[in-house]
C-alpha atoms as a PDB file:
ATOM      1  CA  MET A   1       0.000   0.000   0.000  1.00  0.00           C
ATOM      2  CA  HIS A   2       1.380   3.380  -1.014  1.00  0.00           C
ATOM      3  CA  PRO A   3       0.674   6.541   0.881  1.00  0.00           C
ATOM      4  CA  SER A   4      -1.764   8.872  -0.729  1.00  0.00           C
ATOM      5  CA  PRO A   5      -0.267  11.955  -2.438  1.00  0.00           C
ATOM      6  CA  SER A   6      -1.879  14.252   0.130  1.00  0.00           C
ATOM      7  CA  HIS A   7      -0.215  12.319   2.971  1.00  0.00           C
ATOM      8  CA  SER A   8       3.315  12.646   1.488  1.00  0.00           C
ATOM      9  CA  ARG A   9       2.818  16.386   0.897  1.00  0.00           C
ATOM     10  CA  SER A  10       2.001  16.990   4.579  1.00  0.00           C
ATOM     11  CA  VAL A  11       5.098  15.099   5.789  1.00  0.00           C
ATOM     12  CA  VAL A  12       7.590  17.143   3.743  1.00  0.00           C
ATOM     13  CA  PRO A  13       6.526  20.542   5.112  1.00  0.00           C
ATOM     14  CA  ALA A  14       6.640  19.133   8.668  1.00  0.00           C
ATOM     15  CA  VAL A  15      10.205  17.909   8.120  1.00  0.00           C
ATOM     16  CA  LEU A  16      11.214  21.250   6.624  1.00  0.00           C
ATOM     17  CA  ARG A  17       9.649  23.107   9.550  1.00  0.00           C
ATOM     18  CA  SER A  18      11.625  20.921  11.968  1.00  0.00           C
ATOM     19  CA  ILE A  19      14.900  21.627  10.149  1.00  0.00           C
ATOM     20  CA  VAL A  20      14.248  25.385  10.081  1.00  0.00           C
ATOM     21  CA  CYS A  21      13.354  25.437  13.795  1.00  0.00           C
ATOM     22  CA  ALA A  22      16.460  23.425  14.717  1.00  0.00           C
ATOM     23  CA  ALA A  23      18.685  25.797  12.723  1.00  0.00           C
ATOM     24  CA  ALA A  24      17.109  28.846  14.359  1.00  0.00           C
ATOM     25  CA  LEU A  25      17.568  27.341  17.825  1.00  0.00           C
ATOM     26  CA  ALA A  26      21.220  26.523  17.122  1.00  0.00           C
ATOM     27  CA  ALA A  27      21.824  30.114  16.001  1.00  0.00           C
ATOM     28  CA  CYS A  28      20.313  31.423  19.225  1.00  0.00           C
ATOM     29  CA  LEU A  29      22.541  29.197  21.347  1.00  0.00           C
ATOM     30  CA  ASP A  30      25.696  30.666  19.780  1.00  0.00           C
ATOM     31  CA  GLU A  31      24.768  34.227  20.752  1.00  0.00           C
ATOM     32  CA  PRO A  32      25.621  35.452  24.257  1.00  0.00           C
ATOM     33  CA  PRO A  33      22.516  36.273  26.246  1.00  0.00           C
ATOM     34  CA  ALA A  34      21.345  39.873  26.079  1.00  0.00           C
ATOM     35  CA  TYR A  35      21.210  41.585  29.462  1.00  0.00           C
ATOM     36  CA  GLU A  36      19.372  44.661  30.609  1.00  0.00           C
ATOM     37  CA  ALA A  37      21.821  47.310  31.847  1.00  0.00           C
ATOM     38  CA  SER A  38      20.963  46.610  35.496  1.00  0.00           C
ATOM     39  CA  GLU A  39      21.421  42.828  35.049  1.00  0.00           C
ATOM     40  CA  ARG A  40      24.763  42.829  33.235  1.00  0.00           C
ATOM     41  CA  PRO A  41      27.625  40.825  34.728  1.00  0.00           C
ATOM     42  CA  ARG A  42      30.000  42.801  36.934  1.00  0.00           C
ATOM     43  CA  ILE A  43      33.748  42.546  37.536  1.00  0.00           C
ATOM     44  CA  VAL A  44      34.914  43.746  40.951  1.00  0.00           C
ATOM     45  CA  VAL A  45      38.652  44.411  41.350  1.00  0.00           C
ATOM     46  CA  LEU A  46      40.027  44.486  44.901  1.00  0.00           C
ATOM     47  CA  TRP A  47      43.415  45.558  46.299  1.00  0.00           C
ATOM     48  CA  GLU A  48      44.940  46.568  49.645  1.00  0.00           C
ATOM     49  CA  PRO A  49      44.233  50.310  50.081  1.00  0.00           C
ATOM     50  CA  ALA A  50      46.782  50.624  52.935  1.00  0.00           C
ATOM     51  CA  ALA A  51      49.536  49.936  50.366  1.00  0.00           C
ATOM     52  CA  CYS A  52      48.561  52.826  48.069  1.00  0.00           C
ATOM     53  CA  GLY A  53      51.131  55.436  49.157  1.00  0.00           C
ATOM     54  CA  ALA A  54      50.687  58.849  47.526  1.00  0.00           C
ATOM     55  CA  PRO A  55      47.152  59.539  46.196  1.00  0.00           C
ATOM     56  CA  HIS A  56      46.533  58.146  42.711  1.00  0.00           C
ATOM     57  CA  ARG A  57      43.875  56.249  40.774  1.00  0.00           C
ATOM     58  CA  ILE A  58      43.630  52.619  39.713  1.00  0.00           C
ATOM     59  CA  ALA A  59      42.286  51.994  36.212  1.00  0.00           C
ATOM     60  CA  LEU A  60      40.902  48.866  34.578  1.00  0.00           C
ATOM     61  CA  GLU A  61      40.723  48.668  30.778  1.00  0.00           C
ATOM     62  CA  LEU A  62      39.163  45.570  29.204  1.00  0.00           C
ATOM     63  CA  ALA A  63      37.870  44.324  25.870  1.00  0.00           C
ATOM     64  CA  ASP A  64      35.719  41.307  25.128  1.00  0.00           C
ATOM     65  CA  GLU A  65      36.589  38.698  22.485  1.00  0.00           C
ATOM     66  CA  ALA A  66      35.039  40.911  19.783  1.00  0.00           C
ATOM     67  CA  GLY A  67      37.212  43.864  20.853  1.00  0.00           C
ATOM     68  CA  VAL A  68      34.408  45.899  22.481  1.00  0.00           C
ATOM     69  CA  PRO A  69      36.112  48.026  25.170  1.00  0.00           C
ATOM     70  CA  THR A  70      35.001  48.894  28.687  1.00  0.00           C
ATOM     71  CA  SER A  71      36.847  50.663  31.499  1.00  0.00           C
ATOM     72  CA  SER A  72      36.587  52.053  34.993  1.00  0.00           C
ATOM     73  CA  SER A  73      38.804  53.755  37.549  1.00  0.00           C
ATOM     74  CA  ALA A  74      38.716  54.599  41.243  1.00  0.00           C
ATOM     75  CA  PRO A  75      40.934  56.276  43.857  1.00  0.00           C
ATOM     76  CA  CYS A  76      43.549  53.806  45.125  1.00  0.00           C
ATOM     77  CA  ALA A  77      42.535  54.514  48.737  1.00  0.00           C
ATOM     78  CA  GLN A  78      39.058  53.134  47.942  1.00  0.00           C
ATOM     79  CA  GLY A  79      40.478  49.595  47.593  1.00  0.00           C
ATOM     80  CA  THR A  80      37.973  48.492  44.969  1.00  0.00           C
ATOM     81  CA  LEU A  81      36.453  49.330  41.611  1.00  0.00           C
ATOM     82  CA  SER A  82      33.808  47.649  39.537  1.00  0.00           C
ATOM     83  CA  VAL A  83      32.679  47.639  35.953  1.00  0.00           C
ATOM     84  CA  GLN A  84      29.638  46.162  34.237  1.00  0.00           C
ATOM     85  CA  VAL A  85      30.378  44.140  31.111  1.00  0.00           C
ATOM     86  CA  LEU A  86      28.045  43.354  28.232  1.00  0.00           C
ATOM     87  CA  HIS A  87      27.934  39.569  28.570  1.00  0.00           C
ATOM     88  CA  LEU A  88      29.593  36.473  29.994  1.00  0.00           C
ATOM     89  CA  GLY A  89      32.890  35.525  28.351  1.00  0.00           C
ATOM     90  CA  VAL A  90      36.604  36.234  28.379  1.00  0.00           C
ATOM     91  CA  TYR A  91      37.899  39.782  28.774  1.00  0.00           C
ATOM     92  CA  THR A  92      41.515  40.890  28.356  1.00  0.00           C
ATOM     93  CA  GLY A  93      43.238  44.169  29.077  1.00  0.00           C
ATOM     94  CA  ARG A  94      45.207  45.793  31.860  1.00  0.00           C
ATOM     95  CA  VAL A  95      45.096  47.282  35.350  1.00  0.00           C
ATOM     96  CA  TYR A  96      47.385  50.197  36.183  1.00  0.00           C
ATOM     97  CA  ALA A  97      48.056  53.144  38.467  1.00  0.00           C
ATOM     98  CA  TRP A  98      47.875  56.709  37.189  1.00  0.00           C
ATOM     99  CA  THR A  99      47.965  60.284  38.309  1.00  0.00           C
ATOM    100  CA  ALA A 100      46.731  63.143  36.126  1.00  0.00           C
ATOM    101  CA  GLY A 101      49.505  64.620  34.013  1.00  0.00           C
ATOM    102  CA  GLN A 102      51.901  61.698  34.598  1.00  0.00           C
ATOM    103  CA  PRO A 103      52.620  58.479  32.704  1.00  0.00           C
ATOM    104  CA  ILE A 104      50.756  55.347  33.754  1.00  0.00           C
ATOM    105  CA  ARG A 105      52.683  52.882  35.932  1.00  0.00           C
ATOM    106  CA  SER A 106      52.439  49.470  37.604  1.00  0.00           C
ATOM    107  CA  ILE A 107      50.796  47.973  34.503  1.00  0.00           C
ATOM    108  CA  MET A 108      49.446  44.448  35.040  1.00  0.00           C
ATOM    109  CA  PRO A 109      47.919  42.375  32.249  1.00  0.00           C
ATOM    110  CA  ALA A 110      44.327  41.242  32.813  1.00  0.00           C
ATOM    111  CA  TRP A 111      42.659  38.045  31.629  1.00  0.00           C
ATOM    112  CA  ILE A 112      39.261  37.526  33.245  1.00  0.00           C
ATOM    113  CA  ASP A 113      36.785  34.741  32.543  1.00  0.00           C
ATOM    114  CA  VAL A 114      33.387  36.191  33.433  1.00  0.00           C
ATOM    115  CA  ASP A 115      31.374  33.038  34.063  1.00  0.00           C
ATOM    116  CA  GLU A 116      28.893  34.313  36.660  1.00  0.00           C
ATOM    117  CA  SER A 117      27.014  37.508  37.452  1.00  0.00           C
ATOM    118  CA  ILE A 118      29.706  38.885  39.799  1.00  0.00           C
ATOM    119  CA  VAL A 119      33.393  38.058  39.411  1.00  0.00           C
ATOM    120  CA  ARG A 120      35.798  39.241  42.115  1.00  0.00           C
ATOM    121  CA  TRP A 121      39.464  39.645  41.205  1.00  0.00           C
ATOM    122  CA  ARG A 122      42.102  40.444  43.836  1.00  0.00           C
ATOM    123  CA  VAL A 123      45.260  42.151  42.504  1.00  0.00           C
ATOM    124  CA  GLU A 124      48.509  43.411  43.983  1.00  0.00           C
ATOM    125  CA  THR A 125      48.086  47.081  44.849  1.00  0.00           C
ATOM    126  CA  PRO A 126      49.190  49.130  41.803  1.00  0.00           C
ATOM    127  CA  GLU A 127      51.488  51.844  43.172  1.00  0.00           C
END
């Protein structure tokens, strides 16, 4: 017994719909999740404020794997700074000390795997 022509026509579109849906789902899984500004992951950098010496600022400059930059800075005596990033993933860049009108110093490379909503990173105090 052969299937009727109307039966075979209804199977093909169903198979095509399944393939299209699977492809769309796979494409969505490759994209990092979109976050509202208030929900974005945060990197918190910590250091020992008692080791700061003369007043200066600590800066953090990062870029995600696509090269999108983000940065933040805070007074060294504060002992912490934080920055919101766009999504989970790996960020590279640098942490350094600076004072207005002077060259940056105490440059440390940064490689941070942001794999949760808040990532804390303790560094040696940039002087």
